[in-house]
Amino acid sequence: MQPWKTRDRRTVWERPPWLTVEQHTIELPDGRVIPDWAWVITPDYVNIVAVTTDQRWLCFRQTKYAVQGSTLALVGGYMEPGEQPLPAAQRELREETGYEADTWTALGHYAVDGNRGAGTAHLYMAQGARRVAAIASDDLEEQEQLLLTRAEVEQALLRGEFKVLPWAAAVALALARTI
């Protein structure tokens, strides 16, 4: 299988540092050219499934602008320019929850949209999490911190209570790793 080729690209809209929309001219492996392929650039981000020393899964119940009603959520956020994924995950866990963890497992990194870009999600599981500081979050959402059992997290996932795809994927991957 041959990759698609980018023949040209131009920026059509920018809102730094959160969003850039480009128009690409793409050449397909069979030689066809698509002159107006939309491409979205957003910062890469991390999501963390944190499990405490007493085997509680750290989650939030919160609202999100693009989600109807409340949702269960994970710790996470955008990576700073030049920041590596693991240090970003460790920073986000401490900022948003006041927790640190001893054991970190990468659950993978994934394209957010396979055809349009939109950044890369870096997913982690942090085990042995313990509170070491006060929360220093600058999140805009109203949220409630929860400590759930593995069974409660599994049932919430099956009921669709994690309403954002990367959170549901990270939880499913973490559950598969802790069978």
N, C-alpha and C. Protein backbone atom coordinates (compact mmCIF):
# COMPACT_ATOMS: atom_id res chain seq x y z
N MET A 1 0.84 -1.18 0.00
CA MET A 1 0.00 0.00 0.00
C MET A 1 0.89 1.24 0.00
N GLN A 2 0.53 2.17 -0.82
CA GLN A 2 1.30 3.41 -0.94
C GLN A 2 0.62 4.54 -0.15
N PRO A 3 1.41 5.41 0.45
CA PRO A 3 0.82 6.54 1.18
C PRO A 3 0.32 7.62 0.23
N TRP A 4 -0.59 8.44 0.73
CA TRP A 4 -1.01 9.62 -0.02
C TRP A 4 0.12 10.63 0.04
N LYS A 5 0.20 11.48 -0.98
CA LYS A 5 1.24 12.50 -1.03
C LYS A 5 0.61 13.89 -0.94
N THR A 6 1.24 14.75 -0.15
CA THR A 6 0.82 16.15 -0.06
C THR A 6 1.60 16.93 -1.12
N ARG A 7 0.88 17.46 -2.10
CA ARG A 7 1.53 18.22 -3.17
C ARG A 7 1.62 19.71 -2.84
N ASP A 8 0.65 20.18 -2.06
CA ASP A 8 0.62 21.60 -1.70
C ASP A 8 -0.23 21.76 -0.44
N ARG A 9 0.05 22.82 0.31
CA ARG A 9 -0.76 23.11 1.49
C ARG A 9 -0.78 24.61 1.71
N ARG A 10 -1.93 25.10 2.16
CA ARG A 10 -2.01 26.52 2.50
C ARG A 10 -2.94 26.68 3.69
N THR A 11 -2.63 27.64 4.53
CA THR A 11 -3.44 27.92 5.71
C THR A 11 -4.65 28.74 5.29
N VAL A 12 -5.84 28.30 5.72
CA VAL A 12 -7.06 29.05 5.41
C VAL A 12 -7.65 29.73 6.64
N TRP A 13 -7.25 29.28 7.85
CA TRP A 13 -7.74 29.93 9.08
C TRP A 13 -6.85 29.54 10.24
N GLU A 14 -6.56 30.49 11.12
CA GLU A 14 -5.73 30.21 12.30
C GLU A 14 -6.33 30.85 13.54
N ARG A 15 -6.20 30.11 14.65
CA ARG A 15 -6.52 30.61 15.98
C ARG A 15 -5.47 30.05 16.93
N PRO A 16 -4.21 30.55 16.80
CA PRO A 16 -3.12 30.01 17.63
C PRO A 16 -3.42 30.17 19.12
N PRO A 17 -3.01 29.25 19.95
CA PRO A 17 -2.28 28.02 19.62
C PRO A 17 -3.20 26.82 19.45
N TRP A 18 -4.50 27.03 19.41
CA TRP A 18 -5.45 25.92 19.51
C TRP A 18 -5.88 25.30 18.19
N LEU A 19 -5.88 26.07 17.11
CA LEU A 19 -6.47 25.53 15.89
C LEU A 19 -5.92 26.23 14.65
N THR A 20 -5.57 25.40 13.66
CA THR A 20 -5.22 25.88 12.33
C THR A 20 -5.93 24.98 11.34
N VAL A 21 -6.53 25.57 10.34
CA VAL A 21 -7.17 24.80 9.27
C VAL A 21 -6.40 25.08 7.98
N GLU A 22 -6.00 24.00 7.34
CA GLU A 22 -5.27 24.10 6.08
C GLU A 22 -6.07 23.46 4.96
N GLN A 23 -5.75 23.85 3.74
CA GLN A 23 -6.27 23.18 2.55
C GLN A 23 -5.08 22.55 1.85
N HIS A 24 -5.16 21.24 1.67
CA HIS A 24 -4.08 20.50 1.03
C HIS A 24 -4.49 20.08 -0.37
N THR A 25 -3.50 19.96 -1.23
CA THR A 25 -3.67 19.29 -2.50
C THR A 25 -3.03 17.92 -2.32
N ILE A 26 -3.82 16.87 -2.47
CA ILE A 26 -3.41 15.49 -2.18
C ILE A 26 -3.34 14.69 -3.47
N GLU A 27 -2.29 13.89 -3.59
CA GLU A 27 -2.21 12.94 -4.70
C GLU A 27 -2.39 11.54 -4.13
N LEU A 28 -3.39 10.82 -4.65
CA LEU A 28 -3.66 9.46 -4.22
C LEU A 28 -2.70 8.49 -4.92
N PRO A 29 -2.52 7.31 -4.37
CA PRO A 29 -1.60 6.33 -4.99
C PRO A 29 -1.91 6.02 -6.45
N ASP A 30 -3.18 6.14 -6.85
CA ASP A 30 -3.54 5.83 -8.25
C ASP A 30 -3.35 7.03 -9.17
N GLY A 31 -2.80 8.16 -8.62
CA GLY A 31 -2.52 9.33 -9.43
C GLY A 31 -3.59 10.41 -9.41
N ARG A 32 -4.78 10.08 -8.91
CA ARG A 32 -5.81 11.12 -8.82
C ARG A 32 -5.36 12.21 -7.85
N VAL A 33 -5.79 13.44 -8.14
CA VAL A 33 -5.43 14.59 -7.31
C VAL A 33 -6.71 15.19 -6.73
N ILE A 34 -6.66 15.44 -5.43
CA ILE A 34 -7.76 16.12 -4.74
C ILE A 34 -7.24 17.49 -4.34
N PRO A 35 -7.80 18.57 -4.94
CA PRO A 35 -7.21 19.90 -4.73
C PRO A 35 -7.66 20.62 -3.45
N ASP A 36 -8.65 20.11 -2.77
CA ASP A 36 -9.21 20.88 -1.65
C ASP A 36 -9.45 20.02 -0.40
N TRP A 37 -8.43 19.28 0.01
CA TRP A 37 -8.54 18.39 1.16
C TRP A 37 -8.36 19.21 2.45
N ALA A 38 -9.37 19.22 3.31
CA ALA A 38 -9.29 19.96 4.57
C ALA A 38 -8.40 19.22 5.56
N TRP A 39 -7.54 19.97 6.25
CA TRP A 39 -6.62 19.42 7.24
C TRP A 39 -6.69 20.29 8.49
N VAL A 40 -6.83 19.66 9.65
CA VAL A 40 -7.00 20.38 10.91
C VAL A 40 -5.78 20.13 11.79
N ILE A 41 -5.20 21.19 12.30
CA ILE A 41 -4.05 21.08 13.20
C ILE A 41 -4.46 21.58 14.58
N THR A 42 -4.36 20.69 15.57
CA THR A 42 -4.58 21.04 16.96
C THR A 42 -3.39 20.50 17.76
N PRO A 43 -3.18 21.01 18.97
CA PRO A 43 -2.05 20.50 19.76
C PRO A 43 -2.26 19.02 20.12
N ASP A 44 -1.17 18.29 20.22
CA ASP A 44 -1.23 16.93 20.75
C ASP A 44 -1.62 17.01 22.22
N TYR A 45 -2.19 15.93 22.74
CA TYR A 45 -2.63 15.97 24.13
C TYR A 45 -2.43 14.61 24.79
N VAL A 46 -2.59 14.62 26.12
CA VAL A 46 -2.47 13.41 26.92
C VAL A 46 -3.76 13.18 27.69
N ASN A 47 -4.08 11.91 27.89
CA ASN A 47 -5.14 11.49 28.80
C ASN A 47 -4.58 10.41 29.70
N ILE A 48 -4.96 10.46 30.96
CA ILE A 48 -4.39 9.57 31.95
C ILE A 48 -5.48 8.84 32.71
N VAL A 49 -5.39 7.52 32.77
CA VAL A 49 -6.21 6.70 33.66
C VAL A 49 -5.37 6.52 34.91
N ALA A 50 -5.77 7.15 36.01
CA ALA A 50 -5.01 7.10 37.25
C ALA A 50 -5.68 6.16 38.24
N VAL A 51 -4.89 5.25 38.80
CA VAL A 51 -5.38 4.29 39.80
C VAL A 51 -4.57 4.53 41.07
N THR A 52 -5.28 4.76 42.17
CA THR A 52 -4.63 5.11 43.44
C THR A 52 -4.01 3.88 44.10
N THR A 53 -3.27 4.12 45.17
CA THR A 53 -2.63 3.04 45.91
C THR A 53 -3.66 2.07 46.50
N ASP A 54 -4.90 2.55 46.75
CA ASP A 54 -5.94 1.66 47.26
C ASP A 54 -6.88 1.17 46.15
N GLN A 55 -6.39 1.20 44.91
CA GLN A 55 -7.08 0.65 43.73
C GLN A 55 -8.37 1.38 43.37
N ARG A 56 -8.44 2.65 43.65
CA ARG A 56 -9.56 3.49 43.19
C ARG A 56 -9.15 4.17 41.89
N TRP A 57 -10.07 4.29 40.98
CA TRP A 57 -9.83 4.90 39.68
C TRP A 57 -10.26 6.36 39.77
N LEU A 58 -9.33 7.25 39.51
CA LEU A 58 -9.55 8.69 39.65
C LEU A 58 -10.19 9.22 38.37
N CYS A 59 -11.39 9.76 38.53
CA CYS A 59 -12.13 10.31 37.39
C CYS A 59 -12.74 11.64 37.81
N PHE A 60 -13.34 12.30 36.86
CA PHE A 60 -14.12 13.51 37.11
C PHE A 60 -15.52 13.31 36.55
N ARG A 61 -16.48 13.93 37.18
CA ARG A 61 -17.78 14.15 36.55
C ARG A 61 -17.77 15.62 36.20
N GLN A 62 -17.99 15.93 34.92
CA GLN A 62 -17.88 17.32 34.48
C GLN A 62 -18.76 17.58 33.28
N THR A 63 -18.80 18.83 32.91
CA THR A 63 -19.48 19.24 31.68
C THR A 63 -18.41 19.60 30.66
N LYS A 64 -18.74 19.44 29.40
CA LYS A 64 -17.89 19.84 28.29
C LYS A 64 -18.77 20.55 27.28
N TYR A 65 -18.25 21.54 26.63
CA TYR A 65 -19.02 22.33 25.68
C TYR A 65 -19.64 21.48 24.57
N ALA A 66 -18.92 20.48 24.08
CA ALA A 66 -19.40 19.66 22.96
C ALA A 66 -20.18 18.43 23.39
N VAL A 67 -20.42 18.27 24.71
CA VAL A 67 -21.11 17.08 25.21
C VAL A 67 -22.41 17.51 25.88
N GLN A 68 -23.48 16.84 25.50
CA GLN A 68 -24.77 17.14 26.13
C GLN A 68 -24.81 16.52 27.52
N GLY A 69 -25.15 17.29 28.51
CA GLY A 69 -25.22 16.80 29.88
C GLY A 69 -23.83 16.64 30.47
N SER A 70 -23.76 15.89 31.56
CA SER A 70 -22.46 15.67 32.19
C SER A 70 -21.84 14.37 31.66
N THR A 71 -20.55 14.23 31.88
CA THR A 71 -19.81 13.07 31.40
C THR A 71 -18.79 12.66 32.46
N LEU A 72 -18.43 11.41 32.49
CA LEU A 72 -17.26 11.01 33.24
C LEU A 72 -16.05 11.36 32.39
N ALA A 73 -14.99 11.80 33.03
CA ALA A 73 -13.81 12.28 32.30
C ALA A 73 -12.55 11.78 32.98
N LEU A 74 -11.47 11.81 32.23
CA LEU A 74 -10.15 11.47 32.74
C LEU A 74 -9.32 12.74 32.89
N VAL A 75 -8.22 12.60 33.58
CA VAL A 75 -7.23 13.65 33.64
C VAL A 75 -6.63 13.80 32.25
N GLY A 76 -6.35 15.03 31.86
CA GLY A 76 -5.70 15.21 30.57
C GLY A 76 -5.57 16.65 30.19
N GLY A 77 -4.85 16.89 29.12
CA GLY A 77 -4.70 18.24 28.61
C GLY A 77 -3.72 18.29 27.47
N TYR A 78 -3.64 19.48 26.89
CA TYR A 78 -2.74 19.70 25.77
C TYR A 78 -1.29 19.69 26.23
N MET A 79 -0.44 19.21 25.36
CA MET A 79 1.00 19.25 25.60
C MET A 79 1.52 20.65 25.27
N GLU A 80 2.49 21.11 26.04
CA GLU A 80 3.14 22.39 25.76
C GLU A 80 4.07 22.21 24.56
N PRO A 81 4.35 23.28 23.81
CA PRO A 81 5.28 23.15 22.68
C PRO A 81 6.62 22.56 23.13
N GLY A 82 7.08 21.52 22.45
CA GLY A 82 8.34 20.88 22.77
C GLY A 82 8.28 19.88 23.91
N GLU A 83 7.15 19.78 24.57
CA GLU A 83 7.01 18.87 25.72
C GLU A 83 6.81 17.43 25.23
N GLN A 84 7.44 16.50 25.90
CA GLN A 84 7.29 15.08 25.59
C GLN A 84 6.02 14.55 26.27
N PRO A 85 5.42 13.48 25.74
CA PRO A 85 4.15 12.99 26.27
C PRO A 85 4.17 12.57 27.74
N LEU A 86 5.14 11.78 28.17
CA LEU A 86 5.13 11.32 29.56
C LEU A 86 5.26 12.47 30.56
N PRO A 87 6.22 13.38 30.40
CA PRO A 87 6.26 14.52 31.32
C PRO A 87 4.97 15.35 31.29
N ALA A 88 4.35 15.46 30.12
CA ALA A 88 3.08 16.19 30.03
C ALA A 88 2.00 15.47 30.84
N ALA A 89 1.96 14.15 30.74
CA ALA A 89 0.97 13.37 31.50
C ALA A 89 1.21 13.52 33.00
N GLN A 90 2.47 13.46 33.41
CA GLN A 90 2.80 13.61 34.82
C GLN A 90 2.43 15.01 35.32
N ARG A 91 2.68 16.03 34.51
CA ARG A 91 2.32 17.40 34.86
C ARG A 91 0.81 17.56 34.99
N GLU A 92 0.08 17.03 34.02
CA GLU A 92 -1.38 17.15 34.05
C GLU A 92 -1.98 16.45 35.26
N LEU A 93 -1.47 15.26 35.59
CA LEU A 93 -2.00 14.54 36.75
C LEU A 93 -1.81 15.37 38.01
N ARG A 94 -0.64 15.93 38.18
CA ARG A 94 -0.38 16.73 39.39
C ARG A 94 -1.21 18.01 39.41
N GLU A 95 -1.26 18.72 38.28
CA GLU A 95 -2.02 19.99 38.23
C GLU A 95 -3.50 19.78 38.49
N GLU A 96 -4.09 18.80 37.81
CA GLU A 96 -5.54 18.63 37.86
C GLU A 96 -6.04 17.91 39.10
N THR A 97 -5.18 17.12 39.73
CA THR A 97 -5.66 16.30 40.85
C THR A 97 -4.83 16.45 42.12
N GLY A 98 -3.60 16.94 42.02
CA GLY A 98 -2.70 16.95 43.16
C GLY A 98 -2.06 15.60 43.43
N TYR A 99 -2.21 14.66 42.49
CA TYR A 99 -1.66 13.31 42.64
C TYR A 99 -0.39 13.14 41.84
N GLU A 100 0.47 12.24 42.31
CA GLU A 100 1.61 11.71 41.56
C GLU A 100 1.50 10.20 41.59
N ALA A 101 2.17 9.55 40.63
CA ALA A 101 2.11 8.09 40.56
C ALA A 101 3.50 7.51 40.37
N ASP A 102 3.68 6.30 40.88
CA ASP A 102 4.97 5.61 40.80
C ASP A 102 5.16 4.87 39.48
N THR A 103 4.10 4.29 38.95
CA THR A 103 4.21 3.42 37.79
C THR A 103 3.38 3.98 36.64
N TRP A 104 4.05 4.18 35.51
CA TRP A 104 3.39 4.73 34.31
C TRP A 104 3.48 3.71 33.18
N THR A 105 2.35 3.46 32.54
CA THR A 105 2.29 2.56 31.40
C THR A 105 1.71 3.31 30.21
N ALA A 106 2.44 3.33 29.11
CA ALA A 106 1.91 3.94 27.89
C ALA A 106 0.85 3.01 27.30
N LEU A 107 -0.31 3.57 27.01
CA LEU A 107 -1.41 2.81 26.39
C LEU A 107 -1.47 3.05 24.89
N GLY A 108 -0.51 3.83 24.38
CA GLY A 108 -0.43 4.07 22.94
C GLY A 108 -0.65 5.53 22.59
N HIS A 109 -0.31 5.85 21.36
CA HIS A 109 -0.59 7.18 20.83
C HIS A 109 -1.36 6.98 19.52
N TYR A 110 -2.37 7.83 19.32
CA TYR A 110 -3.34 7.61 18.26
C TYR A 110 -3.67 8.90 17.53
N ALA A 111 -3.78 8.80 16.21
CA ALA A 111 -4.28 9.93 15.43
C ALA A 111 -5.71 10.18 15.85
N VAL A 112 -6.06 11.45 16.02
CA VAL A 112 -7.43 11.77 16.43
C VAL A 112 -8.39 11.56 15.26
N ASP A 113 -8.01 11.97 14.08
CA ASP A 113 -8.83 11.77 12.89
C ASP A 113 -7.91 11.28 11.77
N GLY A 114 -8.09 10.07 11.33
CA GLY A 114 -7.20 9.45 10.36
C GLY A 114 -7.14 10.14 9.01
N ASN A 115 -8.13 10.95 8.67
CA ASN A 115 -8.13 11.64 7.39
C ASN A 115 -7.96 13.14 7.49
N ARG A 116 -8.21 13.72 8.65
CA ARG A 116 -8.19 15.18 8.77
C ARG A 116 -7.18 15.72 9.77
N GLY A 117 -6.42 14.82 10.43
CA GLY A 117 -5.40 15.28 11.37
C GLY A 117 -5.97 15.46 12.77
N ALA A 118 -6.00 16.69 13.25
CA ALA A 118 -6.55 17.06 14.55
C ALA A 118 -5.70 16.56 15.71
N GLY A 119 -4.41 16.42 15.51
CA GLY A 119 -3.50 16.10 16.60
C GLY A 119 -3.38 14.62 16.89
N THR A 120 -2.61 14.34 17.93
CA THR A 120 -2.37 12.97 18.38
C THR A 120 -2.71 12.88 19.86
N ALA A 121 -3.41 11.82 20.23
CA ALA A 121 -3.73 11.54 21.63
C ALA A 121 -2.70 10.56 22.17
N HIS A 122 -2.08 10.90 23.30
CA HIS A 122 -1.13 10.03 23.99
C HIS A 122 -1.81 9.56 25.27
N LEU A 123 -2.04 8.26 25.38
CA LEU A 123 -2.81 7.71 26.49
C LEU A 123 -1.90 6.96 27.46
N TYR A 124 -2.14 7.16 28.75
CA TYR A 124 -1.32 6.56 29.80
C TYR A 124 -2.19 5.99 30.91
N MET A 125 -1.61 5.03 31.61
CA MET A 125 -2.16 4.54 32.86
C MET A 125 -1.13 4.83 33.94
N ALA A 126 -1.56 5.47 35.01
CA ALA A 126 -0.70 5.80 36.15
C ALA A 126 -1.19 4.99 37.34
N GLN A 127 -0.33 4.11 37.86
CA GLN A 127 -0.71 3.27 38.99
C GLN A 127 0.09 3.66 40.23
N GLY A 128 -0.52 3.43 41.40
CA GLY A 128 0.11 3.83 42.65
C GLY A 128 -0.02 5.32 42.91
N ALA A 129 -1.08 5.92 42.37
CA ALA A 129 -1.28 7.36 42.52
C ALA A 129 -1.62 7.71 43.97
N ARG A 130 -1.04 8.81 44.43
CA ARG A 130 -1.29 9.30 45.78
C ARG A 130 -1.28 10.82 45.75
N ARG A 131 -2.10 11.41 46.63
CA ARG A 131 -2.18 12.87 46.69
C ARG A 131 -0.92 13.41 47.36
N VAL A 132 -0.30 14.40 46.69
CA VAL A 132 0.92 15.01 47.23
C VAL A 132 0.83 16.54 47.30
N ALA A 133 -0.21 17.11 46.69
CA ALA A 133 -0.31 18.57 46.61
C ALA A 133 -1.77 18.97 46.42
N ALA A 134 -2.02 20.24 46.54
CA ALA A 134 -3.34 20.78 46.25
C ALA A 134 -3.53 20.83 44.73
N ILE A 135 -4.77 20.83 44.30
CA ILE A 135 -5.10 20.94 42.88
C ILE A 135 -4.70 22.33 42.40
N ALA A 136 -4.03 22.39 41.25
CA ALA A 136 -3.59 23.67 40.66
C ALA A 136 -4.11 23.78 39.24
N SER A 137 -5.32 23.36 39.01
CA SER A 137 -5.89 23.28 37.66
C SER A 137 -6.41 24.64 37.20
N ASP A 138 -6.29 24.88 35.90
CA ASP A 138 -6.88 26.07 35.30
C ASP A 138 -8.02 25.69 34.35
N ASP A 139 -8.59 24.51 34.58
CA ASP A 139 -9.66 24.03 33.72
C ASP A 139 -10.87 24.98 33.78
N LEU A 140 -11.57 25.10 32.67
CA LEU A 140 -12.74 25.96 32.59
C LEU A 140 -14.00 25.25 33.05
N GLU A 141 -14.00 23.92 32.97
CA GLU A 141 -15.20 23.15 33.27
C GLU A 141 -15.45 23.06 34.77
N GLU A 142 -16.72 23.03 35.10
CA GLU A 142 -17.12 22.68 36.46
C GLU A 142 -16.95 21.17 36.58
N GLN A 143 -16.30 20.72 37.65
CA GLN A 143 -16.05 19.28 37.75
C GLN A 143 -16.01 18.82 39.19
N GLU A 144 -16.31 17.54 39.35
CA GLU A 144 -16.27 16.88 40.65
C GLU A 144 -15.31 15.71 40.55
N GLN A 145 -14.33 15.65 41.44
CA GLN A 145 -13.37 14.55 41.44
C GLN A 145 -14.01 13.33 42.10
N LEU A 146 -13.84 12.15 41.47
CA LEU A 146 -14.42 10.90 41.95
C LEU A 146 -13.33 9.85 42.11
N LEU A 147 -13.51 8.97 43.06
CA LEU A 147 -12.66 7.79 43.22
C LEU A 147 -13.58 6.59 43.12
N LEU A 148 -13.47 5.85 42.00
CA LEU A 148 -14.38 4.75 41.71
C LEU A 148 -13.65 3.41 41.78
N THR A 149 -14.41 2.36 42.03
CA THR A 149 -13.83 1.03 41.96
C THR A 149 -13.68 0.63 40.50
N ARG A 150 -12.89 -0.40 40.27
CA ARG A 150 -12.72 -0.91 38.90
C ARG A 150 -14.08 -1.32 38.33
N ALA A 151 -14.90 -2.00 39.13
CA ALA A 151 -16.22 -2.44 38.68
C ALA A 151 -17.10 -1.25 38.32
N GLU A 152 -17.05 -0.18 39.10
CA GLU A 152 -17.84 1.02 38.79
C GLU A 152 -17.38 1.66 37.48
N VAL A 153 -16.08 1.69 37.25
CA VAL A 153 -15.54 2.25 36.00
C VAL A 153 -15.97 1.40 34.81
N GLU A 154 -15.87 0.09 34.96
CA GLU A 154 -16.25 -0.81 33.88
C GLU A 154 -17.74 -0.64 33.53
N GLN A 155 -18.59 -0.58 34.53
CA GLN A 155 -20.02 -0.40 34.28
C GLN A 155 -20.31 0.96 33.65
N ALA A 156 -19.62 2.00 34.12
CA ALA A 156 -19.80 3.33 33.54
C ALA A 156 -19.39 3.34 32.07
N LEU A 157 -18.30 2.65 31.75
CA LEU A 157 -17.87 2.57 30.36
C LEU A 157 -18.93 1.87 29.52
N LEU A 158 -19.45 0.76 30.00
CA LEU A 158 -20.46 0.01 29.25
C LEU A 158 -21.76 0.78 29.11
N ARG A 159 -22.07 1.66 30.06
CA ARG A 159 -23.28 2.49 29.99
C ARG A 159 -23.08 3.74 29.14
N GLY A 160 -21.87 3.96 28.63
CA GLY A 160 -21.61 5.14 27.79
C GLY A 160 -21.44 6.42 28.58
N GLU A 161 -21.02 6.33 29.84
CA GLU A 161 -20.87 7.52 30.66
C GLU A 161 -19.59 8.29 30.38
N PHE A 162 -18.61 7.68 29.72
CA PHE A 162 -17.44 8.39 29.22
C PHE A 162 -17.81 8.83 27.81
N LYS A 163 -18.26 10.05 27.64
CA LYS A 163 -18.88 10.50 26.39
C LYS A 163 -17.91 11.10 25.38
N VAL A 164 -16.62 11.08 25.69
CA VAL A 164 -15.59 11.57 24.75
C VAL A 164 -14.74 10.37 24.37
N LEU A 165 -14.59 10.14 23.07
CA LEU A 165 -13.96 8.92 22.57
C LEU A 165 -12.58 8.61 23.16
N PRO A 166 -11.64 9.55 23.23
CA PRO A 166 -10.34 9.19 23.80
C PRO A 166 -10.43 8.72 25.26
N TRP A 167 -11.36 9.27 26.02
CA TRP A 167 -11.52 8.83 27.41
C TRP A 167 -12.03 7.40 27.44
N ALA A 168 -13.02 7.10 26.63
CA ALA A 168 -13.57 5.74 26.59
C ALA A 168 -12.49 4.76 26.12
N ALA A 169 -11.72 5.15 25.12
CA ALA A 169 -10.65 4.27 24.62
C ALA A 169 -9.59 4.03 25.68
N ALA A 170 -9.17 5.09 26.38
CA ALA A 170 -8.14 4.94 27.42
C ALA A 170 -8.63 4.05 28.54
N VAL A 171 -9.88 4.23 28.96
CA VAL A 171 -10.43 3.40 30.02
C VAL A 171 -10.49 1.94 29.56
N ALA A 172 -10.95 1.70 28.34
CA ALA A 172 -11.03 0.32 27.84
C ALA A 172 -9.64 -0.32 27.78
N LEU A 173 -8.65 0.43 27.32
CA LEU A 173 -7.28 -0.09 27.26
C LEU A 173 -6.74 -0.38 28.66
N ALA A 174 -7.01 0.51 29.59
CA ALA A 174 -6.54 0.30 30.97
C ALA A 174 -7.24 -0.90 31.61
N LEU A 175 -8.53 -1.04 31.37
CA LEU A 175 -9.25 -2.21 31.90
C LEU A 175 -8.68 -3.50 31.32
N ALA A 176 -8.36 -3.49 30.04
CA ALA A 176 -7.79 -4.69 29.41
C ALA A 176 -6.42 -5.03 30.00
N ARG A 177 -5.69 -4.03 30.44
CA ARG A 177 -4.35 -4.26 31.01
C ARG A 177 -4.40 -4.72 32.46
N THR A 178 -5.55 -4.58 33.12
CA THR A 178 -5.63 -4.87 34.55
C THR A 178 -6.58 -6.03 34.83
N ILE A 179 -6.76 -6.91 33.88
CA ILE A 179 -7.65 -8.06 34.08
C ILE A 179 -7.08 -8.99 35.12
